[in-house]
Amino acid sequence: MTLIADALKGGMEGKPWQTRAKSVGLTQKLLARLLGHAENTVSRQLRGHWDSGIPKHVRTMILGWELMTPEQREQWVRLADEDGE
């Protein structure tokens, strides 16, 4: 079984991506910060505003966040902030 399959087994399969993100503490504001997008862009992405649906990089970011430990999440945020300086 893969890590992603294990994450989906946790009851999140079929849930809207916005709900998934929120349930693991990944707010739109933080997601925008990590992706380097404006908050309103992330909001539109999570709602599937475009015909192509929710961008793969946004879904991948949420899946990754679900799989990380709190310590890994803190490190990721710190590294993303350092990269933006």
PDB file of N, CA and C in Angstrom:
ATOM      1  N   MET A   1       0.848  -1.178   0.000  1.00  0.00           N
ATOM      2  CA  MET A   1       0.000   0.000   0.000  1.00  0.00           C
ATOM      3  C   MET A   1       0.896   1.244   0.000  1.00  0.00           C
ATOM      4  N   THR A   2       0.498   2.269  -0.739  1.00  0.00           N
ATOM      5  CA  THR A   2       1.294   3.488  -0.823  1.00  0.00           C
ATOM      6  C   THR A   2       0.938   4.445   0.306  1.00  0.00           C
ATOM      7  N   LEU A   3       1.791   5.452   0.491  1.00  0.00           N
ATOM      8  CA  LEU A   3       1.510   6.467   1.505  1.00  0.00           C
ATOM      9  C   LEU A   3       0.215   7.201   1.199  1.00  0.00           C
ATOM     10  N   ILE A   4      -0.010   7.502  -0.073  1.00  0.00           N
ATOM     11  CA  ILE A   4      -1.235   8.209  -0.446  1.00  0.00           C
ATOM     12  C   ILE A   4      -2.453   7.335  -0.182  1.00  0.00           C
ATOM     13  N   ALA A   5      -2.368   6.073  -0.530  1.00  0.00           N
ATOM     14  CA  ALA A   5      -3.488   5.165  -0.256  1.00  0.00           C
ATOM     15  C   ALA A   5      -3.745   5.079   1.242  1.00  0.00           C
ATOM     16  N   ASP A   6      -2.672   5.056   2.038  1.00  0.00           N
ATOM     17  CA  ASP A   6      -2.825   5.045   3.495  1.00  0.00           C
ATOM     18  C   ASP A   6      -3.522   6.315   3.976  1.00  0.00           C
ATOM     19  N   ALA A   7      -3.151   7.458   3.401  1.00  0.00           N
ATOM     20  CA  ALA A   7      -3.774   8.725   3.794  1.00  0.00           C
ATOM     21  C   ALA A   7      -5.254   8.718   3.440  1.00  0.00           C
ATOM     22  N   LEU A   8      -5.586   8.195   2.282  1.00  0.00           N
ATOM     23  CA  LEU A   8      -6.983   8.145   1.864  1.00  0.00           C
ATOM     24  C   LEU A   8      -7.799   7.204   2.733  1.00  0.00           C
ATOM     25  N   LYS A   9      -7.148   6.162   3.249  1.00  0.00           N
ATOM     26  CA  LYS A   9      -7.831   5.211   4.124  1.00  0.00           C
ATOM     27  C   LYS A   9      -8.340   5.880   5.393  1.00  0.00           C
ATOM     28  N   GLY A  10      -7.766   7.019   5.739  1.00  0.00           N
ATOM     29  CA  GLY A  10      -8.132   7.713   6.963  1.00  0.00           C
ATOM     30  C   GLY A  10      -9.492   8.377   6.909  1.00  0.00           C
ATOM     31  N   GLY A  11     -10.280   8.098   5.891  1.00  0.00           N
ATOM     32  CA  GLY A  11     -11.633   8.632   5.837  1.00  0.00           C
ATOM     33  C   GLY A  11     -11.774   9.908   5.034  1.00  0.00           C
ATOM     34  N   MET A  12     -10.726  10.339   4.342  1.00  0.00           N
ATOM     35  CA  MET A  12     -10.793  11.589   3.603  1.00  0.00           C
ATOM     36  C   MET A  12     -11.113  11.386   2.127  1.00  0.00           C
ATOM     37  N   GLU A  13     -11.127  10.152   1.666  1.00  0.00           N
ATOM     38  CA  GLU A  13     -11.425   9.890   0.257  1.00  0.00           C
ATOM     39  C   GLU A  13     -12.815  10.427  -0.074  1.00  0.00           C
ATOM     40  N   GLY A  14     -12.907  11.161  -1.165  1.00  0.00           N
ATOM     41  CA  GLY A  14     -14.191  11.697  -1.596  1.00  0.00           C
ATOM     42  C   GLY A  14     -14.586  13.003  -0.922  1.00  0.00           C
ATOM     43  N   LYS A  15     -13.799  13.480   0.016  1.00  0.00           N
ATOM     44  CA  LYS A  15     -14.099  14.747   0.689  1.00  0.00           C
ATOM     45  C   LYS A  15     -13.606  15.899  -0.180  1.00  0.00           C
ATOM     46  N   PRO A  16     -14.298  17.025  -0.153  1.00  0.00           N
ATOM     47  CA  PRO A  16     -13.811  18.195  -0.886  1.00  0.00           C
ATOM     48  C   PRO A  16     -12.414  18.593  -0.379  1.00  0.00           C
ATOM     49  N   TRP A  17     -11.584  19.053  -1.292  1.00  0.00           N
ATOM     50  CA  TRP A  17     -10.200  19.380  -0.929  1.00  0.00           C
ATOM     51  C   TRP A  17     -10.132  20.486   0.117  1.00  0.00           C
ATOM     52  N   GLN A  18     -11.045  21.430   0.062  1.00  0.00           N
ATOM     53  CA  GLN A  18     -11.063  22.503   1.055  1.00  0.00           C
ATOM     54  C   GLN A  18     -11.316  21.924   2.452  1.00  0.00           C
ATOM     55  N   THR A  19     -12.219  20.963   2.545  1.00  0.00           N
ATOM     56  CA  THR A  19     -12.516  20.305   3.819  1.00  0.00           C
ATOM     57  C   THR A  19     -11.315  19.511   4.302  1.00  0.00           C
ATOM     58  N   ARG A  20     -10.671  18.810   3.388  1.00  0.00           N
ATOM     59  CA  ARG A  20      -9.484  18.019   3.750  1.00  0.00           C
ATOM     60  C   ARG A  20      -8.402  18.921   4.322  1.00  0.00           C
ATOM     61  N   ALA A  21      -8.140  20.025   3.622  1.00  0.00           N
ATOM     62  CA  ALA A  21      -7.091  20.943   4.069  1.00  0.00           C
ATOM     63  C   ALA A  21      -7.417  21.486   5.462  1.00  0.00           C
ATOM     64  N   LYS A  22      -8.634  21.948   5.624  1.00  0.00           N
ATOM     65  CA  LYS A  22      -9.051  22.538   6.899  1.00  0.00           C
ATOM     66  C   LYS A  22      -8.973  21.524   8.039  1.00  0.00           C
ATOM     67  N   SER A  23      -9.315  20.267   7.754  1.00  0.00           N
ATOM     68  CA  SER A  23      -9.345  19.251   8.805  1.00  0.00           C
ATOM     69  C   SER A  23      -7.958  18.928   9.361  1.00  0.00           C
ATOM     70  N   VAL A  24      -6.918  19.242   8.603  1.00  0.00           N
ATOM     71  CA  VAL A  24      -5.548  18.995   9.087  1.00  0.00           C
ATOM     72  C   VAL A  24      -4.816  20.304   9.390  1.00  0.00           C
ATOM     73  N   GLY A  25      -5.590  21.389   9.557  1.00  0.00           N
ATOM     74  CA  GLY A  25      -5.010  22.657   9.974  1.00  0.00           C
ATOM     75  C   GLY A  25      -4.326  23.449   8.876  1.00  0.00           C
ATOM     76  N   LEU A  26      -4.599  23.121   7.630  1.00  0.00           N
ATOM     77  CA  LEU A  26      -4.000  23.848   6.509  1.00  0.00           C
ATOM     78  C   LEU A  26      -5.010  24.881   6.025  1.00  0.00           C
ATOM     79  N   THR A  27      -4.870  26.096   6.527  1.00  0.00           N
ATOM     80  CA  THR A  27      -5.796  27.165   6.171  1.00  0.00           C
ATOM     81  C   THR A  27      -5.503  27.673   4.763  1.00  0.00           C
ATOM     82  N   GLN A  28      -6.461  28.381   4.193  1.00  0.00           N
ATOM     83  CA  GLN A  28      -6.238  28.977   2.873  1.00  0.00           C
ATOM     84  C   GLN A  28      -5.080  29.964   2.927  1.00  0.00           C
ATOM     85  N   LYS A  29      -4.980  30.687   4.024  1.00  0.00           N
ATOM     86  CA  LYS A  29      -3.899  31.666   4.175  1.00  0.00           C
ATOM     87  C   LYS A  29      -2.535  30.972   4.161  1.00  0.00           C
ATOM     88  N   LEU A  30      -2.404  29.884   4.918  1.00  0.00           N
ATOM     89  CA  LEU A  30      -1.140  29.157   4.966  1.00  0.00           C
ATOM     90  C   LEU A  30      -0.867  28.465   3.637  1.00  0.00           C
ATOM     91  N   LEU A  31      -1.892  27.887   3.034  1.00  0.00           N
ATOM     92  CA  LEU A  31      -1.725  27.232   1.742  1.00  0.00           C
ATOM     93  C   LEU A  31      -1.247  28.247   0.697  1.00  0.00           C
ATOM     94  N   ALA A  32      -1.820  29.429   0.714  1.00  0.00           N
ATOM     95  CA  ALA A  32      -1.398  30.487  -0.212  1.00  0.00           C
ATOM     96  C   ALA A  32       0.067  30.861   0.035  1.00  0.00           C
ATOM     97  N   ARG A  33       0.436  30.958   1.287  1.00  0.00           N
ATOM     98  CA  ARG A  33       1.821  31.282   1.659  1.00  0.00           C
ATOM     99  C   ARG A  33       2.791  30.215   1.142  1.00  0.00           C
ATOM    100  N   LEU A  34       2.437  28.949   1.319  1.00  0.00           N
ATOM    101  CA  LEU A  34       3.304  27.855   0.883  1.00  0.00           C
ATOM    102  C   LEU A  34       3.379  27.751  -0.638  1.00  0.00           C
ATOM    103  N   LEU A  35       2.275  28.028  -1.312  1.00  0.00           N
ATOM    104  CA  LEU A  35       2.234  27.928  -2.771  1.00  0.00           C
ATOM    105  C   LEU A  35       2.768  29.177  -3.465  1.00  0.00           C
ATOM    106  N   GLY A  36       2.828  30.285  -2.717  1.00  0.00           N
ATOM    107  CA  GLY A  36       3.258  31.538  -3.327  1.00  0.00           C
ATOM    108  C   GLY A  36       2.177  32.176  -4.184  1.00  0.00           C
ATOM    109  N   HIS A  37       0.917  31.915  -3.828  1.00  0.00           N
ATOM    110  CA  HIS A  37      -0.231  32.473  -4.542  1.00  0.00           C
ATOM    111  C   HIS A  37      -0.982  33.428  -3.616  1.00  0.00           C
ATOM    112  N   ALA A  38      -1.812  34.263  -4.214  1.00  0.00           N
ATOM    113  CA  ALA A  38      -2.703  35.117  -3.431  1.00  0.00           C
ATOM    114  C   ALA A  38      -3.794  34.243  -2.809  1.00  0.00           C
ATOM    115  N   GLU A  39      -4.281  34.680  -1.645  1.00  0.00           N
ATOM    116  CA  GLU A  39      -5.334  33.912  -0.956  1.00  0.00           C
ATOM    117  C   GLU A  39      -6.580  33.728  -1.816  1.00  0.00           C
ATOM    118  N   ASN A  40      -6.974  34.776  -2.537  1.00  0.00           N
ATOM    119  CA  ASN A  40      -8.177  34.648  -3.365  1.00  0.00           C
ATOM    120  C   ASN A  40      -7.962  33.654  -4.510  1.00  0.00           C
ATOM    121  N   THR A  41      -6.732  33.536  -4.996  1.00  0.00           N
ATOM    122  CA  THR A  41      -6.429  32.538  -6.029  1.00  0.00           C
ATOM    123  C   THR A  41      -6.588  31.134  -5.465  1.00  0.00           C
ATOM    124  N   VAL A  42      -6.060  30.915  -4.262  1.00  0.00           N
ATOM    125  CA  VAL A  42      -6.167  29.603  -3.620  1.00  0.00           C
ATOM    126  C   VAL A  42      -7.632  29.271  -3.352  1.00  0.00           C
ATOM    127  N   SER A  43      -8.394  30.243  -2.920  1.00  0.00           N
ATOM    128  CA  SER A  43      -9.821  30.028  -2.677  1.00  0.00           C
ATOM    129  C   SER A  43     -10.509  29.560  -3.957  1.00  0.00           C
ATOM    130  N   ARG A  44     -10.207  30.215  -5.059  1.00  0.00           N
ATOM    131  CA  ARG A  44     -10.799  29.833  -6.343  1.00  0.00           C
ATOM    132  C   ARG A  44     -10.319  28.449  -6.773  1.00  0.00           C
ATOM    133  N   GLN A  45      -9.045  28.155  -6.532  1.00  0.00           N
ATOM    134  CA  GLN A  45      -8.509  26.843  -6.889  1.00  0.00           C
ATOM    135  C   GLN A  45      -9.217  25.742  -6.108  1.00  0.00           C
ATOM    136  N   LEU A  46      -9.417  25.947  -4.819  1.00  0.00           N
ATOM    137  CA  LEU A  46     -10.056  24.935  -3.976  1.00  0.00           C
ATOM    138  C   LEU A  46     -11.523  24.715  -4.338  1.00  0.00           C
ATOM    139  N   ARG A  47     -12.143  25.728  -4.888  1.00  0.00           N
ATOM    140  CA  ARG A  47     -13.543  25.591  -5.312  1.00  0.00           C
ATOM    141  C   ARG A  47     -13.653  25.017  -6.724  1.00  0.00           C
ATOM    142  N   GLY A  48     -12.503  24.775  -7.380  1.00  0.00           N
ATOM    143  CA  GLY A  48     -12.534  24.244  -8.739  1.00  0.00           C
ATOM    144  C   GLY A  48     -13.087  25.246  -9.732  1.00  0.00           C
ATOM    145  N   HIS A  49     -12.719  26.511  -9.544  1.00  0.00           N
ATOM    146  CA  HIS A  49     -13.231  27.619 -10.352  1.00  0.00           C
ATOM    147  C   HIS A  49     -12.990  27.419 -11.852  1.00  0.00           C
ATOM    148  N   TRP A  50     -11.875  26.833 -12.210  1.00  0.00           N
ATOM    149  CA  TRP A  50     -11.531  26.652 -13.618  1.00  0.00           C
ATOM    150  C   TRP A  50     -12.071  25.326 -14.139  1.00  0.00           C
ATOM    151  N   ASP A  51     -12.258  25.246 -15.444  1.00  0.00           N
ATOM    152  CA  ASP A  51     -12.787  24.033 -16.080  1.00  0.00           C
ATOM    153  C   ASP A  51     -11.933  22.803 -15.790  1.00  0.00           C
ATOM    154  N   SER A  52     -10.644  23.020 -15.610  1.00  0.00           N
ATOM    155  CA  SER A  52      -9.732  21.896 -15.355  1.00  0.00           C
ATOM    156  C   SER A  52      -9.843  21.372 -13.923  1.00  0.00           C
ATOM    157  N   GLY A  53     -10.645  22.031 -13.103  1.00  0.00           N
ATOM    158  CA  GLY A  53     -10.818  21.591 -11.714  1.00  0.00           C
ATOM    159  C   GLY A  53      -9.721  22.112 -10.805  1.00  0.00           C
ATOM    160  N   ILE A  54      -9.518  21.427  -9.709  1.00  0.00           N
ATOM    161  CA  ILE A  54      -8.513  21.841  -8.723  1.00  0.00           C
ATOM    162  C   ILE A  54      -7.137  21.447  -9.247  1.00  0.00           C
ATOM    163  N   PRO A  55      -6.213  22.415  -9.322  1.00  0.00           N
ATOM    164  CA  PRO A  55      -4.886  22.113  -9.863  1.00  0.00           C
ATOM    165  C   PRO A  55      -4.192  20.984  -9.103  1.00  0.00           C
ATOM    166  N   LYS A  56      -3.468  20.182  -9.850  1.00  0.00           N
ATOM    167  CA  LYS A  56      -2.788  19.022  -9.268  1.00  0.00           C
ATOM    168  C   LYS A  56      -1.791  19.435  -8.183  1.00  0.00           C
ATOM    169  N   HIS A  57      -1.095  20.562  -8.376  1.00  0.00           N
ATOM    170  CA  HIS A  57      -0.112  20.967  -7.369  1.00  0.00           C
ATOM    171  C   HIS A  57      -0.784  21.338  -6.047  1.00  0.00           C
ATOM    172  N   VAL A  58      -2.011  21.827  -6.100  1.00  0.00           N
ATOM    173  CA  VAL A  58      -2.748  22.152  -4.870  1.00  0.00           C
ATOM    174  C   VAL A  58      -3.172  20.859  -4.173  1.00  0.00           C
ATOM    175  N   ARG A  59      -3.694  19.916  -4.937  1.00  0.00           N
ATOM    176  CA  ARG A  59      -4.082  18.623  -4.356  1.00  0.00           C
ATOM    177  C   ARG A  59      -2.869  17.911  -3.760  1.00  0.00           C
ATOM    178  N   THR A  60      -1.747  17.971  -4.464  1.00  0.00           N
ATOM    179  CA  THR A  60      -0.523  17.326  -3.984  1.00  0.00           C
ATOM    180  C   THR A  60      -0.036  17.968  -2.693  1.00  0.00           C
ATOM    181  N   MET A  61      -0.128  19.288  -2.599  1.00  0.00           N
ATOM    182  CA  MET A  61       0.279  19.996  -1.386  1.00  0.00           C
ATOM    183  C   MET A  61      -0.576  19.538  -0.200  1.00  0.00           C
ATOM    184  N   ILE A  62      -1.873  19.402  -0.405  1.00  0.00           N
ATOM    185  CA  ILE A  62      -2.769  18.973   0.674  1.00  0.00           C
ATOM    186  C   ILE A  62      -2.463  17.533   1.075  1.00  0.00           C
ATOM    187  N   LEU A  63      -2.272  16.660   0.103  1.00  0.00           N
ATOM    188  CA  LEU A  63      -1.914  15.270   0.412  1.00  0.00           C
ATOM    189  C   LEU A  63      -0.612  15.205   1.208  1.00  0.00           C
ATOM    190  N   GLY A  64       0.376  15.970   0.784  1.00  0.00           N
ATOM    191  CA  GLY A  64       1.654  15.991   1.500  1.00  0.00           C
ATOM    192  C   GLY A  64       1.483  16.457   2.931  1.00  0.00           C
ATOM    193  N   TRP A  65       0.676  17.491   3.114  1.00  0.00           N
ATOM    194  CA  TRP A  65       0.430  18.041   4.454  1.00  0.00           C
ATOM    195  C   TRP A  65      -0.242  16.995   5.340  1.00  0.00           C
ATOM    196  N   GLU A  66      -1.172  16.237   4.765  1.00  0.00           N
ATOM    197  CA  GLU A  66      -1.857  15.181   5.524  1.00  0.00           C
ATOM    198  C   GLU A  66      -0.873  14.113   6.007  1.00  0.00           C
ATOM    199  N   LEU A  67       0.142  13.837   5.220  1.00  0.00           N
ATOM    200  CA  LEU A  67       1.088  12.770   5.539  1.00  0.00           C
ATOM    201  C   LEU A  67       2.184  13.194   6.512  1.00  0.00           C
ATOM    202  N   MET A  68       2.395  14.497   6.660  1.00  0.00           N
ATOM    203  CA  MET A  68       3.494  14.993   7.497  1.00  0.00           C
ATOM    204  C   MET A  68       3.152  14.991   8.977  1.00  0.00           C
ATOM    205  N   THR A  69       4.203  14.861   9.771  1.00  0.00           N
ATOM    206  CA  THR A  69       4.071  15.037  11.215  1.00  0.00           C
ATOM    207  C   THR A  69       4.023  16.539  11.496  1.00  0.00           C
ATOM    208  N   PRO A  70       3.568  16.943  12.674  1.00  0.00           N
ATOM    209  CA  PRO A  70       3.589  18.368  13.011  1.00  0.00           C
ATOM    210  C   PRO A  70       4.990  18.984  12.891  1.00  0.00           C
ATOM    211  N   GLU A  71       6.008  18.232  13.258  1.00  0.00           N
ATOM    212  CA  GLU A  71       7.378  18.743  13.165  1.00  0.00           C
ATOM    213  C   GLU A  71       7.775  18.967  11.708  1.00  0.00           C
ATOM    214  N   GLN A  72       7.399  18.045  10.839  1.00  0.00           N
ATOM    215  CA  GLN A  72       7.707  18.197   9.415  1.00  0.00           C
ATOM    216  C   GLN A  72       6.972  19.397   8.825  1.00  0.00           C
ATOM    217  N   ARG A  73       5.745  19.609   9.264  1.00  0.00           N
ATOM    218  CA  ARG A  73       4.974  20.764   8.782  1.00  0.00           C
ATOM    219  C   ARG A  73       5.651  22.067   9.192  1.00  0.00           C
ATOM    220  N   GLU A  74       6.073  22.141  10.454  1.00  0.00           N
ATOM    221  CA  GLU A  74       6.765  23.344  10.937  1.00  0.00           C
ATOM    222  C   GLU A  74       8.023  23.611  10.115  1.00  0.00           C
ATOM    223  N   GLN A  75       8.773  22.550   9.845  1.00  0.00           N
ATOM    224  CA  GLN A  75      10.004  22.696   9.073  1.00  0.00           C
ATOM    225  C   GLN A  75       9.693  23.160   7.648  1.00  0.00           C
ATOM    226  N   TRP A  76       8.655  22.621   7.052  1.00  0.00           N
ATOM    227  CA  TRP A  76       8.284  22.993   5.693  1.00  0.00           C
ATOM    228  C   TRP A  76       7.912  24.475   5.627  1.00  0.00           C
ATOM    229  N   VAL A  77       7.129  24.944   6.595  1.00  0.00           N
ATOM    230  CA  VAL A  77       6.736  26.353   6.633  1.00  0.00           C
ATOM    231  C   VAL A  77       7.972  27.227   6.800  1.00  0.00           C
ATOM    232  N   ARG A  78       8.858  26.830   7.713  1.00  0.00           N
ATOM    233  CA  ARG A  78      10.073  27.610   7.945  1.00  0.00           C
ATOM    234  C   ARG A  78      10.918  27.697   6.669  1.00  0.00           C
ATOM    235  N   LEU A  79      11.106  26.565   6.003  1.00  0.00           N
ATOM    236  CA  LEU A  79      11.905  26.544   4.777  1.00  0.00           C
ATOM    237  C   LEU A  79      11.247  27.358   3.661  1.00  0.00           C
ATOM    238  N   ALA A  80       9.934  27.281   3.564  1.00  0.00           N
ATOM    239  CA  ALA A  80       9.221  28.061   2.546  1.00  0.00           C
ATOM    240  C   ALA A  80       9.365  29.551   2.819  1.00  0.00           C
ATOM    241  N   ASP A  81       9.293  29.940   4.091  1.00  0.00           N
ATOM    242  CA  ASP A  81       9.453  31.348   4.450  1.00  0.00           C
ATOM    243  C   ASP A  81      10.871  31.833   4.172  1.00  0.00           C
ATOM    244  N   GLU A  82      11.860  30.992   4.475  1.00  0.00           N
ATOM    245  CA  GLU A  82      13.256  31.364   4.217  1.00  0.00           C
ATOM    246  C   GLU A  82      13.502  31.520   2.726  1.00  0.00           C
ATOM    247  N   ASP A  83      12.895  30.667   1.931  1.00  0.00           N
ATOM    248  CA  ASP A  83      13.072  30.700   0.482  1.00  0.00           C
ATOM    249  C   ASP A  83      12.488  31.979  -0.110  1.00  0.00           C
ATOM    250  N   GLY A  84      11.455  32.518   0.540  1.00  0.00           N
ATOM    251  CA  GLY A  84      10.796  33.720   0.046  1.00  0.00           C
ATOM    252  C   GLY A  84      11.513  35.012   0.387  1.00  0.00           C
ATOM    253  N   GLU A  85      12.543  34.917   1.199  1.00  0.00           N
ATOM    254  CA  GLU A  85      13.254  36.139   1.622  1.00  0.00           C
ATOM    255  C   GLU A  85      14.243  36.593   0.586  1.00  0.00           C
TER     256      GLU A  85
END
